[in-house]
Amino acid sequence: MRTPMVPWIATLLVVCGVVLLVGCRSRSVDPTSLPSTAAPTETGPAEQPSPGPEELLAWQRFRATFGLRSDEPWIRAVADDPSSANEIGVPLLSWEIARMVALNLAVVDLVPALETYGHLFPGHYAGTHIEGRIAVIQFSGQVEERRAALEMLLGRDAPVEVRQVRYSLDDLGAFARAVEADREWFSSVGAELSTVGPRAPDNVVELTYRANSVDVEAGIVSHFRNVDWLILSREGPLPWAGGYGRLVVRIVDRAGRPVEAGVLPNSADERVSSAFLPKEVNGLYEEERVEAVVWEVIVTYFDGQDEVSTSVIVRVPEGVVGNGTVVVER
């Protein structure tokens, strides 16, 4: 014959059973470097496909940027947790999102965080930059989804603007590579391609070139079919391809005697690449090889205690000597 169970004992056993059951279902995950928090909930097989190596690496970078635990077992456990917010682009637990919102990062600190987030979506991400007191992150698609996700991650008051643009960084990179592949064509219009690459804040590809005139720009733009993603910037003339000559300047007084002076030749012709330092001479300045153009030669000498500067214009013909004379008045 069974002894009837006292009601309060039965109640105690039920409570203890619940505690034991919860304890058995609790996963022991130590989020290193984080405050004590709830770990992901243990579940059966993941409903979401397992992340590939590239996606997993992107998640790790994003979490590390915000100081969240980013080892692979933890990330996979979070991804398998049905309560995690997977729709924002990287699986996060609710307390992890709350921690990110509480960070209250300054604008300059937001840029690397936003860049890390943007690279989760390479097909649409178009770069991040600062404008005044806000950080701007650009996307070519899924703009509303990204805006909602960032509000959830950073809070509605975060100084962040999510901006719609036409081209992703991947698009701009492909455009730039197409221009680079056509490098040899530029010589046909008297130009030389210097650099080409994305300028993310303006959502364009910037092409810098060398040419003796900006007149070549119309031909370049036409060659690339007047696309709206290309802007041009001239960085100077083509390297000097002309001839050379010899430059000789004499500095004498009215009696024809040599005068000690400092001499520095300059040219207004931007094709000239020669660069000279001032040289101290005694009446005769010579340069054996200078571009065959017009030179202004600056001469500095002393008249008593006073330093006096003057100049002489010398045209240097190709293959011969260009002469100039400065007569010092004393």
C-alpha atoms as a PDB file:
ATOM      1  CA  MET A   1       0.000   0.000   0.000  1.00  0.00           C
ATOM      2  CA  ARG A   2       1.490   3.311  -1.141  1.00  0.00           C
ATOM      3  CA  THR A   3       1.755   6.137   1.329  1.00  0.00           C
ATOM      4  CA  PRO A   4      -0.141   9.227   0.117  1.00  0.00           C
ATOM      5  CA  MET A   5       2.207  12.037  -0.929  1.00  0.00           C
ATOM      6  CA  VAL A   6       2.044  15.210   1.116  1.00  0.00           C
ATOM      7  CA  PRO A   7       0.875  18.043  -1.220  1.00  0.00           C
ATOM      8  CA  TRP A   8       3.806  20.410  -0.490  1.00  0.00           C
ATOM      9  CA  ILE A   9       6.331  17.665  -1.257  1.00  0.00           C
ATOM     10  CA  ALA A  10       4.708  17.056  -4.647  1.00  0.00           C
ATOM     11  CA  THR A  11       4.886  20.754  -5.451  1.00  0.00           C
ATOM     12  CA  LEU A  12       8.587  20.889  -4.490  1.00  0.00           C
ATOM     13  CA  LEU A  13       9.420  17.945  -6.731  1.00  0.00           C
ATOM     14  CA  VAL A  14       7.661  19.596  -9.698  1.00  0.00           C
ATOM     15  CA  VAL A  15       9.658  22.810  -9.193  1.00  0.00           C
ATOM     16  CA  CYS A  16      12.928  20.888  -8.874  1.00  0.00           C
ATOM     17  CA  GLY A  17      12.105  18.969 -12.021  1.00  0.00           C
ATOM     18  CA  VAL A  18      11.622  22.204 -13.953  1.00  0.00           C
ATOM     19  CA  VAL A  19      14.945  23.562 -12.651  1.00  0.00           C
ATOM     20  CA  LEU A  20      16.740  20.373 -13.608  1.00  0.00           C
ATOM     21  CA  LEU A  21      15.133  20.381 -17.047  1.00  0.00           C
ATOM     22  CA  VAL A  22      16.179  23.983 -17.688  1.00  0.00           C
ATOM     23  CA  GLY A  23      19.673  23.214 -16.430  1.00  0.00           C
ATOM     24  CA  CYS A  24      19.960  20.281 -18.825  1.00  0.00           C
ATOM     25  CA  ARG A  25      18.897  22.427 -21.788  1.00  0.00           C
ATOM     26  CA  SER A  26      21.221  25.340 -20.974  1.00  0.00           C
ATOM     27  CA  ARG A  27      24.333  25.445 -23.202  1.00  0.00           C
ATOM     28  CA  SER A  28      27.561  26.212 -21.377  1.00  0.00           C
ATOM     29  CA  VAL A  29      29.278  28.693 -23.742  1.00  0.00           C
ATOM     30  CA  ASP A  30      31.753  31.145 -22.274  1.00  0.00           C
ATOM     31  CA  PRO A  31      31.709  34.340 -24.366  1.00  0.00           C
ATOM     32  CA  THR A  32      35.361  35.243 -23.766  1.00  0.00           C
ATOM     33  CA  SER A  33      36.114  38.926 -23.322  1.00  0.00           C
ATOM     34  CA  LEU A  34      32.389  39.629 -22.927  1.00  0.00           C
ATOM     35  CA  PRO A  35      30.254  40.181 -19.842  1.00  0.00           C
ATOM     36  CA  SER A  36      28.255  37.203 -18.550  1.00  0.00           C
ATOM     37  CA  THR A  37      25.218  36.795 -20.800  1.00  0.00           C
ATOM     38  CA  ALA A  38      22.839  34.238 -22.112  1.00  0.00           C
ATOM     39  CA  ALA A  39      24.376  31.829 -24.596  1.00  0.00           C
ATOM     40  CA  PRO A  40      22.647  30.708 -27.802  1.00  0.00           C
ATOM     41  CA  THR A  41      19.755  28.308 -27.370  1.00  0.00           C
ATOM     42  CA  GLU A  42      20.539  24.715 -28.237  1.00  0.00           C
ATOM     43  CA  THR A  43      18.483  23.478 -31.163  1.00  0.00           C
ATOM     44  CA  GLY A  44      18.343  20.584 -33.562  1.00  0.00           C
ATOM     45  CA  PRO A  45      19.699  20.844 -37.114  1.00  0.00           C
ATOM     46  CA  ALA A  46      20.112  24.438 -38.324  1.00  0.00           C
ATOM     47  CA  GLU A  47      17.271  25.755 -40.418  1.00  0.00           C
ATOM     48  CA  GLN A  48      19.657  28.056 -42.296  1.00  0.00           C
ATOM     49  CA  PRO A  49      22.354  26.633 -44.609  1.00  0.00           C
ATOM     50  CA  SER A  50      25.782  26.515 -42.988  1.00  0.00           C
ATOM     51  CA  PRO A  51      27.862  29.571 -43.897  1.00  0.00           C
ATOM     52  CA  GLY A  52      30.655  29.091 -46.411  1.00  0.00           C
ATOM     53  CA  PRO A  53      34.260  30.072 -45.615  1.00  0.00           C
ATOM     54  CA  GLU A  54      33.952  33.570 -47.111  1.00  0.00           C
ATOM     55  CA  GLU A  55      30.665  34.309 -45.367  1.00  0.00           C
ATOM     56  CA  LEU A  56      31.988  32.998 -42.075  1.00  0.00           C
ATOM     57  CA  LEU A  57      35.088  35.198 -42.378  1.00  0.00           C
ATOM     58  CA  ALA A  58      32.893  38.248 -43.088  1.00  0.00           C
ATOM     59  CA  TRP A  59      30.814  37.504 -39.981  1.00  0.00           C
ATOM     60  CA  GLN A  60      33.966  37.143 -37.884  1.00  0.00           C
ATOM     61  CA  ARG A  61      35.324  40.491 -39.067  1.00  0.00           C
ATOM     62  CA  PHE A  62      32.037  42.232 -38.387  1.00  0.00           C
ATOM     63  CA  ARG A  63      31.704  40.821 -34.870  1.00  0.00           C
ATOM     64  CA  ALA A  64      35.340  41.570 -34.042  1.00  0.00           C
ATOM     65  CA  THR A  65      34.851  45.197 -35.126  1.00  0.00           C
ATOM     66  CA  PHE A  66      32.216  45.602 -32.413  1.00  0.00           C
ATOM     67  CA  GLY A  67      34.127  43.618 -29.785  1.00  0.00           C
ATOM     68  CA  LEU A  68      31.751  40.649 -29.958  1.00  0.00           C
ATOM     69  CA  ARG A  69      32.932  37.094 -29.605  1.00  0.00           C
ATOM     70  CA  SER A  70      33.985  35.877 -33.035  1.00  0.00           C
ATOM     71  CA  ASP A  71      35.372  32.331 -32.765  1.00  0.00           C
ATOM     72  CA  GLU A  72      33.837  29.859 -35.205  1.00  0.00           C
ATOM     73  CA  PRO A  73      32.002  27.586 -32.720  1.00  0.00           C
ATOM     74  CA  TRP A  74      30.278  30.575 -31.129  1.00  0.00           C
ATOM     75  CA  ILE A  75      29.299  32.067 -34.485  1.00  0.00           C
ATOM     76  CA  ARG A  76      27.844  28.771 -35.703  1.00  0.00           C
ATOM     77  CA  ALA A  77      25.923  28.368 -32.437  1.00  0.00           C
ATOM     78  CA  VAL A  78      24.459  31.863 -32.829  1.00  0.00           C
ATOM     79  CA  ALA A  79      23.568  31.149 -36.473  1.00  0.00           C
ATOM     80  CA  ASP A  80      21.699  27.999 -35.391  1.00  0.00           C
ATOM     81  CA  ASP A  81      19.794  29.796 -32.645  1.00  0.00           C
ATOM     82  CA  PRO A  82      16.205  30.443 -33.851  1.00  0.00           C
ATOM     83  CA  SER A  83      16.074  33.623 -31.770  1.00  0.00           C
ATOM     84  CA  SER A  84      19.059  35.236 -33.518  1.00  0.00           C
ATOM     85  CA  ALA A  85      18.434  38.130 -35.902  1.00  0.00           C
ATOM     86  CA  ASN A  86      19.636  36.581 -39.164  1.00  0.00           C
ATOM     87  CA  GLU A  87      17.830  39.020 -41.443  1.00  0.00           C
ATOM     88  CA  ILE A  88      20.303  41.854 -40.760  1.00  0.00           C
ATOM     89  CA  GLY A  89      23.091  40.183 -42.708  1.00  0.00           C
ATOM     90  CA  VAL A  90      25.004  38.585 -39.832  1.00  0.00           C
ATOM     91  CA  PRO A  91      23.454  36.419 -37.086  1.00  0.00           C
ATOM     92  CA  LEU A  92      23.351  38.204 -33.715  1.00  0.00           C
ATOM     93  CA  LEU A  93      21.670  37.486 -30.414  1.00  0.00           C
ATOM     94  CA  SER A  94      19.393  40.135 -28.930  1.00  0.00           C
ATOM     95  CA  TRP A  95      21.855  40.983 -26.137  1.00  0.00           C
ATOM     96  CA  GLU A  96      24.647  41.357 -28.709  1.00  0.00           C
ATOM     97  CA  ILE A  97      22.551  43.872 -30.628  1.00  0.00           C
ATOM     98  CA  ALA A  98      21.790  45.718 -27.375  1.00  0.00           C
ATOM     99  CA  ARG A  99      25.489  45.909 -26.627  1.00  0.00           C
ATOM    100  CA  MET A 100      26.224  47.367 -30.058  1.00  0.00           C
ATOM    101  CA  VAL A 101      23.528  50.017 -29.629  1.00  0.00           C
ATOM    102  CA  ALA A 102      24.963  50.913 -26.220  1.00  0.00           C
ATOM    103  CA  LEU A 103      28.432  51.555 -27.650  1.00  0.00           C
ATOM    104  CA  ASN A 104      27.378  55.013 -28.905  1.00  0.00           C
ATOM    105  CA  LEU A 105      30.386  55.252 -31.240  1.00  0.00           C
ATOM    106  CA  ALA A 106      31.717  58.587 -32.482  1.00  0.00           C
ATOM    107  CA  VAL A 107      31.374  59.280 -36.204  1.00  0.00           C
ATOM    108  CA  VAL A 108      35.028  58.549 -36.939  1.00  0.00           C
ATOM    109  CA  ASP A 109      34.743  55.228 -35.089  1.00  0.00           C
ATOM    110  CA  LEU A 110      31.668  54.277 -37.093  1.00  0.00           C
ATOM    111  CA  VAL A 111      33.493  54.222 -40.428  1.00  0.00           C
ATOM    112  CA  PRO A 112      35.419  50.942 -39.961  1.00  0.00           C
ATOM    113  CA  ALA A 113      32.330  49.365 -38.396  1.00  0.00           C
ATOM    114  CA  LEU A 114      30.160  50.412 -41.334  1.00  0.00           C
ATOM    115  CA  GLU A 115      32.786  49.278 -43.841  1.00  0.00           C
ATOM    116  CA  THR A 116      32.848  45.864 -42.200  1.00  0.00           C
ATOM    117  CA  TYR A 117      29.061  45.697 -42.343  1.00  0.00           C
ATOM    118  CA  GLY A 118      28.950  46.876 -45.959  1.00  0.00           C
ATOM    119  CA  HIS A 119      31.348  44.171 -47.123  1.00  0.00           C
ATOM    120  CA  LEU A 120      28.786  41.605 -46.021  1.00  0.00           C
ATOM    121  CA  PHE A 121      26.898  42.628 -49.182  1.00  0.00           C
ATOM    122  CA  PRO A 122      29.561  42.949 -51.921  1.00  0.00           C
ATOM    123  CA  GLY A 123      26.987  42.993 -54.701  1.00  0.00           C
ATOM    124  CA  HIS A 124      25.459  46.245 -53.380  1.00  0.00           C
ATOM    125  CA  TYR A 125      27.972  47.924 -51.068  1.00  0.00           C
ATOM    126  CA  ALA A 126      29.338  51.178 -52.504  1.00  0.00           C
ATOM    127  CA  GLY A 127      31.617  52.576 -49.795  1.00  0.00           C
ATOM    128  CA  THR A 128      31.583  54.590 -46.581  1.00  0.00           C
ATOM    129  CA  HIS A 129      32.788  58.120 -45.867  1.00  0.00           C
ATOM    130  CA  ILE A 130      32.255  61.039 -43.487  1.00  0.00           C
ATOM    131  CA  GLU A 131      30.278  64.140 -44.411  1.00  0.00           C
ATOM    132  CA  GLY A 132      30.370  66.752 -41.683  1.00  0.00           C
ATOM    133  CA  ARG A 133      28.954  65.163 -38.551  1.00  0.00           C
ATOM    134  CA  ILE A 134      27.530  62.014 -40.117  1.00  0.00           C
ATOM    135  CA  ALA A 135      28.895  58.791 -41.556  1.00  0.00           C
ATOM    136  CA  VAL A 136      27.481  57.913 -44.973  1.00  0.00           C
ATOM    137  CA  ILE A 137      27.245  54.305 -46.113  1.00  0.00           C
ATOM    138  CA  GLN A 138      26.179  53.699 -49.716  1.00  0.00           C
ATOM    139  CA  PHE A 139      24.423  50.812 -51.408  1.00  0.00           C
ATOM    140  CA  SER A 140      23.255  50.239 -54.971  1.00  0.00           C
ATOM    141  CA  GLY A 141      20.422  47.965 -53.853  1.00  0.00           C
ATOM    142  CA  GLN A 142      18.541  46.675 -50.771  1.00  0.00           C
ATOM    143  CA  VAL A 143      18.758  50.183 -49.327  1.00  0.00           C
ATOM    144  CA  GLU A 144      15.666  49.995 -47.117  1.00  0.00           C
ATOM    145  CA  GLU A 145      16.717  46.605 -45.757  1.00  0.00           C
ATOM    146  CA  ARG A 146      20.178  47.921 -44.896  1.00  0.00           C
ATOM    147  CA  ARG A 147      18.752  51.076 -43.326  1.00  0.00           C
ATOM    148  CA  ALA A 148      16.437  49.054 -41.096  1.00  0.00           C
ATOM    149  CA  ALA A 149      19.245  46.681 -40.133  1.00  0.00           C
ATOM    150  CA  LEU A 150      21.629  49.488 -39.189  1.00  0.00           C
ATOM    151  CA  GLU A 151      18.942  51.186 -37.114  1.00  0.00           C
ATOM    152  CA  MET A 152      18.555  47.907 -35.256  1.00  0.00           C
ATOM    153  CA  LEU A 153      22.326  47.489 -34.826  1.00  0.00           C
ATOM    154  CA  LEU A 154      23.321  51.059 -33.972  1.00  0.00           C
ATOM    155  CA  GLY A 155      20.098  52.678 -32.769  1.00  0.00           C
ATOM    156  CA  ARG A 156      17.887  55.236 -34.475  1.00  0.00           C
ATOM    157  CA  ASP A 157      19.936  58.143 -33.138  1.00  0.00           C
ATOM    158  CA  ALA A 158      23.251  56.954 -34.615  1.00  0.00           C
ATOM    159  CA  PRO A 159      24.797  59.625 -36.910  1.00  0.00           C
ATOM    160  CA  VAL A 160      24.521  57.420 -39.980  1.00  0.00           C
ATOM    161  CA  GLU A 161      22.916  57.998 -43.376  1.00  0.00           C
ATOM    162  CA  VAL A 162      22.217  55.070 -45.695  1.00  0.00           C
ATOM    163  CA  ARG A 163      22.380  56.404 -49.240  1.00  0.00           C
ATOM    164  CA  GLN A 164      21.203  54.986 -52.556  1.00  0.00           C
ATOM    165  CA  VAL A 165      23.723  55.150 -55.439  1.00  0.00           C
ATOM    166  CA  ARG A 166      23.887  53.650 -58.902  1.00  0.00           C
ATOM    167  CA  TYR A 167      26.987  51.474 -58.708  1.00  0.00           C
ATOM    168  CA  SER A 168      28.494  49.122 -56.137  1.00  0.00           C
ATOM    169  CA  LEU A 169      32.223  49.017 -55.438  1.00  0.00           C
ATOM    170  CA  ASP A 170      32.289  45.771 -57.390  1.00  0.00           C
ATOM    171  CA  ASP A 171      30.743  47.577 -60.380  1.00  0.00           C
ATOM    172  CA  LEU A 172      33.216  50.453 -60.150  1.00  0.00           C
ATOM    173  CA  GLY A 173      36.113  48.035 -59.846  1.00  0.00           C
ATOM    174  CA  ALA A 174      34.997  46.222 -62.995  1.00  0.00           C
ATOM    175  CA  PHE A 175      34.718  49.546 -64.867  1.00  0.00           C
ATOM    176  CA  ALA A 176      38.221  50.534 -63.741  1.00  0.00           C
ATOM    177  CA  ARG A 177      39.683  47.219 -64.877  1.00  0.00           C
ATOM    178  CA  ALA A 178      38.095  47.672 -68.305  1.00  0.00           C
ATOM    179  CA  VAL A 179      39.774  51.075 -68.661  1.00  0.00           C
ATOM    180  CA  GLU A 180      43.117  49.672 -67.484  1.00  0.00           C
ATOM    181  CA  ALA A 181      42.873  46.919 -70.073  1.00  0.00           C
ATOM    182  CA  ASP A 182      42.625  49.636 -72.769  1.00  0.00           C
ATOM    183  CA  ARG A 183      45.794  51.443 -71.602  1.00  0.00           C
ATOM    184  CA  GLU A 184      47.583  51.217 -74.957  1.00  0.00           C
ATOM    185  CA  TRP A 185      44.746  53.053 -76.733  1.00  0.00           C
ATOM    186  CA  PHE A 186      45.527  56.363 -75.000  1.00  0.00           C
ATOM    187  CA  SER A 187      48.669  56.931 -77.077  1.00  0.00           C
ATOM    188  CA  SER A 188      46.476  57.156 -80.181  1.00  0.00           C
ATOM    189  CA  VAL A 189      45.055  60.472 -78.926  1.00  0.00           C
ATOM    190  CA  GLY A 190      48.317  61.846 -77.582  1.00  0.00           C
ATOM    191  CA  ALA A 191      47.701  60.878 -73.970  1.00  0.00           C
ATOM    192  CA  GLU A 192      49.075  58.508 -71.372  1.00  0.00           C
ATOM    193  CA  LEU A 193      46.946  56.751 -68.751  1.00  0.00           C
ATOM    194  CA  SER A 194      48.395  57.372 -65.283  1.00  0.00           C
ATOM    195  CA  THR A 195      45.943  55.849 -62.796  1.00  0.00           C
ATOM    196  CA  VAL A 196      42.382  54.614 -62.784  1.00  0.00           C
ATOM    197  CA  GLY A 197      40.271  53.499 -59.835  1.00  0.00           C
ATOM    198  CA  PRO A 198      37.018  53.988 -57.910  1.00  0.00           C
ATOM    199  CA  ARG A 199      36.318  57.244 -56.085  1.00  0.00           C
ATOM    200  CA  ALA A 200      33.735  55.824 -53.740  1.00  0.00           C
ATOM    201  CA  PRO A 201      32.196  58.969 -52.163  1.00  0.00           C
ATOM    202  CA  ASP A 202      31.209  60.253 -55.612  1.00  0.00           C
ATOM    203  CA  ASN A 203      30.315  56.783 -56.923  1.00  0.00           C
ATOM    204  CA  VAL A 204      32.533  57.221 -59.974  1.00  0.00           C
ATOM    205  CA  VAL A 205      35.750  55.932 -61.513  1.00  0.00           C
ATOM    206  CA  GLU A 206      38.494  58.564 -61.622  1.00  0.00           C
ATOM    207  CA  LEU A 207      40.911  58.435 -64.532  1.00  0.00           C
ATOM    208  CA  THR A 208      44.093  60.509 -64.340  1.00  0.00           C
ATOM    209  CA  TYR A 209      46.096  61.029 -67.496  1.00  0.00           C
ATOM    210  CA  ARG A 210      49.051  62.915 -68.892  1.00  0.00           C
ATOM    211  CA  ALA A 211      48.723  64.938 -72.082  1.00  0.00           C
ATOM    212  CA  ASN A 212      50.006  68.225 -73.430  1.00  0.00           C
ATOM    213  CA  SER A 213      46.477  69.631 -73.539  1.00  0.00           C
ATOM    214  CA  VAL A 214      43.046  68.976 -72.037  1.00  0.00           C
ATOM    215  CA  ASP A 215      41.722  68.883 -75.593  1.00  0.00           C
ATOM    216  CA  VAL A 216      42.210  65.094 -75.553  1.00  0.00           C
ATOM    217  CA  GLU A 217      39.404  64.675 -73.003  1.00  0.00           C
ATOM    218  CA  ALA A 218      36.590  64.772 -75.550  1.00  0.00           C
ATOM    219  CA  GLY A 219      38.172  61.838 -77.383  1.00  0.00           C
ATOM    220  CA  ILE A 220      38.656  59.842 -74.188  1.00  0.00           C
ATOM    221  CA  VAL A 221      35.066  60.359 -73.062  1.00  0.00           C
ATOM    222  CA  SER A 222      33.766  59.413 -76.503  1.00  0.00           C
ATOM    223  CA  HIS A 223      35.940  56.284 -76.597  1.00  0.00           C
ATOM    224  CA  PHE A 224      34.313  55.058 -73.403  1.00  0.00           C
ATOM    225  CA  ARG A 225      30.829  55.847 -74.788  1.00  0.00           C
ATOM    226  CA  ASN A 226      30.091  58.885 -72.613  1.00  0.00           C
ATOM    227  CA  VAL A 227      29.443  56.743 -69.536  1.00  0.00           C
ATOM    228  CA  ASP A 228      28.218  58.526 -66.418  1.00  0.00           C
ATOM    229  CA  TRP A 229      30.633  56.738 -64.097  1.00  0.00           C
ATOM    230  CA  LEU A 230      33.850  58.180 -65.541  1.00  0.00           C
ATOM    231  CA  ILE A 231      35.542  61.462 -64.594  1.00  0.00           C
ATOM    232  CA  LEU A 232      38.877  62.697 -65.936  1.00  0.00           C
ATOM    233  CA  SER A 233      41.725  64.510 -64.243  1.00  0.00           C
ATOM    234  CA  ARG A 234      44.825  65.777 -66.052  1.00  0.00           C
ATOM    235  CA  GLU A 235      47.951  65.512 -63.914  1.00  0.00           C
ATOM    236  CA  GLY A 236      50.357  67.149 -66.329  1.00  0.00           C
ATOM    237  CA  PRO A 237      51.914  66.979 -69.786  1.00  0.00           C
ATOM    238  CA  LEU A 238      53.480  63.973 -71.436  1.00  0.00           C
ATOM    239  CA  PRO A 239      57.106  63.281 -70.565  1.00  0.00           C
ATOM    240  CA  TRP A 240      59.491  65.460 -72.559  1.00  0.00           C
ATOM    241  CA  ALA A 241      60.078  63.970 -75.997  1.00  0.00           C
ATOM    242  CA  GLY A 242      61.808  66.942 -77.620  1.00  0.00           C
ATOM    243  CA  GLY A 243      65.467  67.766 -78.104  1.00  0.00           C
ATOM    244  CA  TYR A 244      68.084  69.161 -75.763  1.00  0.00           C
ATOM    245  CA  GLY A 245      70.655  71.904 -75.934  1.00  0.00           C
ATOM    246  CA  ARG A 246      73.292  73.697 -73.849  1.00  0.00           C
ATOM    247  CA  LEU A 247      72.560  76.718 -71.647  1.00  0.00           C
ATOM    248  CA  VAL A 248      75.277  79.336 -71.012  1.00  0.00           C
ATOM    249  CA  VAL A 249      74.839  82.569 -69.039  1.00  0.00           C
ATOM    250  CA  ARG A 250      77.581  85.091 -68.334  1.00  0.00           C
ATOM    251  CA  ILE A 251      77.380  87.496 -65.368  1.00  0.00           C
ATOM    252  CA  VAL A 252      79.744  90.459 -65.736  1.00  0.00           C
ATOM    253  CA  ASP A 253      80.028  94.094 -64.677  1.00  0.00           C
ATOM    254  CA  ARG A 254      80.120  97.005 -67.135  1.00  0.00           C
ATOM    255  CA  ALA A 255      83.861  96.495 -67.582  1.00  0.00           C
ATOM    256  CA  GLY A 256      83.325  92.844 -68.598  1.00  0.00           C
ATOM    257  CA  ARG A 257      84.758  91.420 -65.402  1.00  0.00           C
ATOM    258  CA  PRO A 258      83.146  88.267 -63.950  1.00  0.00           C
ATOM    259  CA  VAL A 259      80.769  88.759 -61.013  1.00  0.00           C
ATOM    260  CA  GLU A 260      80.080  86.220 -58.294  1.00  0.00           C
ATOM    261  CA  ALA A 261      76.385  85.366 -58.259  1.00  0.00           C
ATOM    262  CA  GLY A 262      73.795  82.713 -57.567  1.00  0.00           C
ATOM    263  CA  VAL A 263      72.026  81.336 -60.644  1.00  0.00           C
ATOM    264  CA  LEU A 264      68.786  79.360 -61.001  1.00  0.00           C
ATOM    265  CA  PRO A 265      67.185  78.488 -64.373  1.00  0.00           C
ATOM    266  CA  ASN A 266      63.399  78.035 -64.600  1.00  0.00           C
ATOM    267  CA  SER A 267      61.021  77.294 -67.434  1.00  0.00           C
ATOM    268  CA  ALA A 268      57.347  78.149 -67.773  1.00  0.00           C
ATOM    269  CA  ASP A 269      56.936  75.215 -70.156  1.00  0.00           C
ATOM    270  CA  GLU A 270      55.211  72.525 -68.062  1.00  0.00           C
ATOM    271  CA  ARG A 271      56.656  69.789 -70.278  1.00  0.00           C
ATOM    272  CA  VAL A 272      60.073  70.439 -68.744  1.00  0.00           C
ATOM    273  CA  SER A 273      61.086  67.873 -66.151  1.00  0.00           C
ATOM    274  CA  SER A 274      64.553  69.211 -65.334  1.00  0.00           C
ATOM    275  CA  ALA A 275      64.865  70.564 -61.817  1.00  0.00           C
ATOM    276  CA  PHE A 276      67.826  72.667 -60.739  1.00  0.00           C
ATOM    277  CA  LEU A 277      69.174  73.941 -57.447  1.00  0.00           C
ATOM    278  CA  PRO A 278      70.712  77.414 -57.128  1.00  0.00           C
ATOM    279  CA  LYS A 279      74.379  77.350 -58.045  1.00  0.00           C
ATOM    280  CA  GLU A 280      77.122  79.778 -56.995  1.00  0.00           C
ATOM    281  CA  VAL A 281      79.318  80.808 -59.943  1.00  0.00           C
ATOM    282  CA  ASN A 282      81.995  83.355 -60.712  1.00  0.00           C
ATOM    283  CA  GLY A 283      80.794  84.999 -63.876  1.00  0.00           C
ATOM    284  CA  LEU A 284      79.897  81.878 -65.903  1.00  0.00           C
ATOM    285  CA  TYR A 285      76.952  79.495 -65.569  1.00  0.00           C
ATOM    286  CA  GLU A 286      76.702  76.385 -67.781  1.00  0.00           C
ATOM    287  CA  GLU A 287      74.262  73.499 -68.086  1.00  0.00           C
ATOM    288  CA  GLU A 288      75.280  70.870 -70.634  1.00  0.00           C
ATOM    289  CA  ARG A 289      71.842  69.331 -71.195  1.00  0.00           C
ATOM    290  CA  VAL A 290      68.551  71.185 -70.847  1.00  0.00           C
ATOM    291  CA  GLU A 291      65.280  70.919 -72.759  1.00  0.00           C
ATOM    292  CA  ALA A 292      65.249  72.976 -75.933  1.00  0.00           C
ATOM    293  CA  VAL A 293      62.714  75.554 -74.756  1.00  0.00           C
ATOM    294  CA  VAL A 294      62.688  79.114 -73.447  1.00  0.00           C
ATOM    295  CA  TRP A 295      64.360  79.532 -70.036  1.00  0.00           C
ATOM    296  CA  GLU A 296      64.229  82.328 -67.511  1.00  0.00           C
ATOM    297  CA  VAL A 297      67.533  82.431 -65.657  1.00  0.00           C
ATOM    298  CA  ILE A 298      67.375  84.200 -62.283  1.00  0.00           C
ATOM    299  CA  VAL A 299      70.618  85.830 -61.166  1.00  0.00           C
ATOM    300  CA  THR A 300      71.238  87.052 -57.587  1.00  0.00           C
ATOM    301  CA  TYR A 301      74.297  89.098 -56.584  1.00  0.00           C
ATOM    302  CA  PHE A 302      75.436  91.610 -53.956  1.00  0.00           C
ATOM    303  CA  ASP A 303      75.791  95.341 -54.565  1.00  0.00           C
ATOM    304  CA  GLY A 304      77.639  96.366 -51.438  1.00  0.00           C
ATOM    305  CA  GLN A 305      75.477  95.088 -48.577  1.00  0.00           C
ATOM    306  CA  ASP A 306      72.335  94.826 -50.718  1.00  0.00           C
ATOM    307  CA  GLU A 307      71.205  91.589 -52.363  1.00  0.00           C
ATOM    308  CA  VAL A 308      69.896  92.215 -55.883  1.00  0.00           C
ATOM    309  CA  SER A 309      67.998  89.843 -58.179  1.00  0.00           C
ATOM    310  CA  THR A 310      67.461  90.090 -61.898  1.00  0.00           C
ATOM    311  CA  SER A 311      66.781  87.649 -64.723  1.00  0.00           C
ATOM    312  CA  VAL A 312      67.512  87.021 -68.372  1.00  0.00           C
ATOM    313  CA  ILE A 313      65.436  85.138 -70.961  1.00  0.00           C
ATOM    314  CA  VAL A 314      67.352  82.570 -72.994  1.00  0.00           C
ATOM    315  CA  ARG A 315      66.004  80.456 -75.841  1.00  0.00           C
ATOM    316  CA  VAL A 316      67.882  77.172 -76.133  1.00  0.00           C
ATOM    317  CA  PRO A 317      67.804  75.699 -79.659  1.00  0.00           C
ATOM    318  CA  GLU A 318      67.936  71.934 -80.107  1.00  0.00           C
ATOM    319  CA  GLY A 319      71.459  70.606 -80.356  1.00  0.00           C
ATOM    320  CA  VAL A 320      73.235  73.967 -79.946  1.00  0.00           C
ATOM    321  CA  VAL A 321      74.023  76.577 -77.308  1.00  0.00           C
ATOM    322  CA  GLY A 322      71.591  79.118 -75.957  1.00  0.00           C
ATOM    323  CA  ASN A 323      73.503  82.164 -74.669  1.00  0.00           C
ATOM    324  CA  GLY A 324      72.517  84.895 -72.262  1.00  0.00           C
ATOM    325  CA  THR A 325      74.359  87.738 -70.536  1.00  0.00           C
ATOM    326  CA  VAL A 326      73.610  89.699 -67.373  1.00  0.00           C
ATOM    327  CA  VAL A 327      75.423  93.017 -66.942  1.00  0.00           C
ATOM    328  CA  VAL A 328      75.612  93.988 -63.288  1.00  0.00           C
ATOM    329  CA  GLU A 329      75.307  97.704 -62.500  1.00  0.00           C
ATOM    330  CA  ARG A 330      77.585  98.690 -59.623  1.00  0.00           C
END
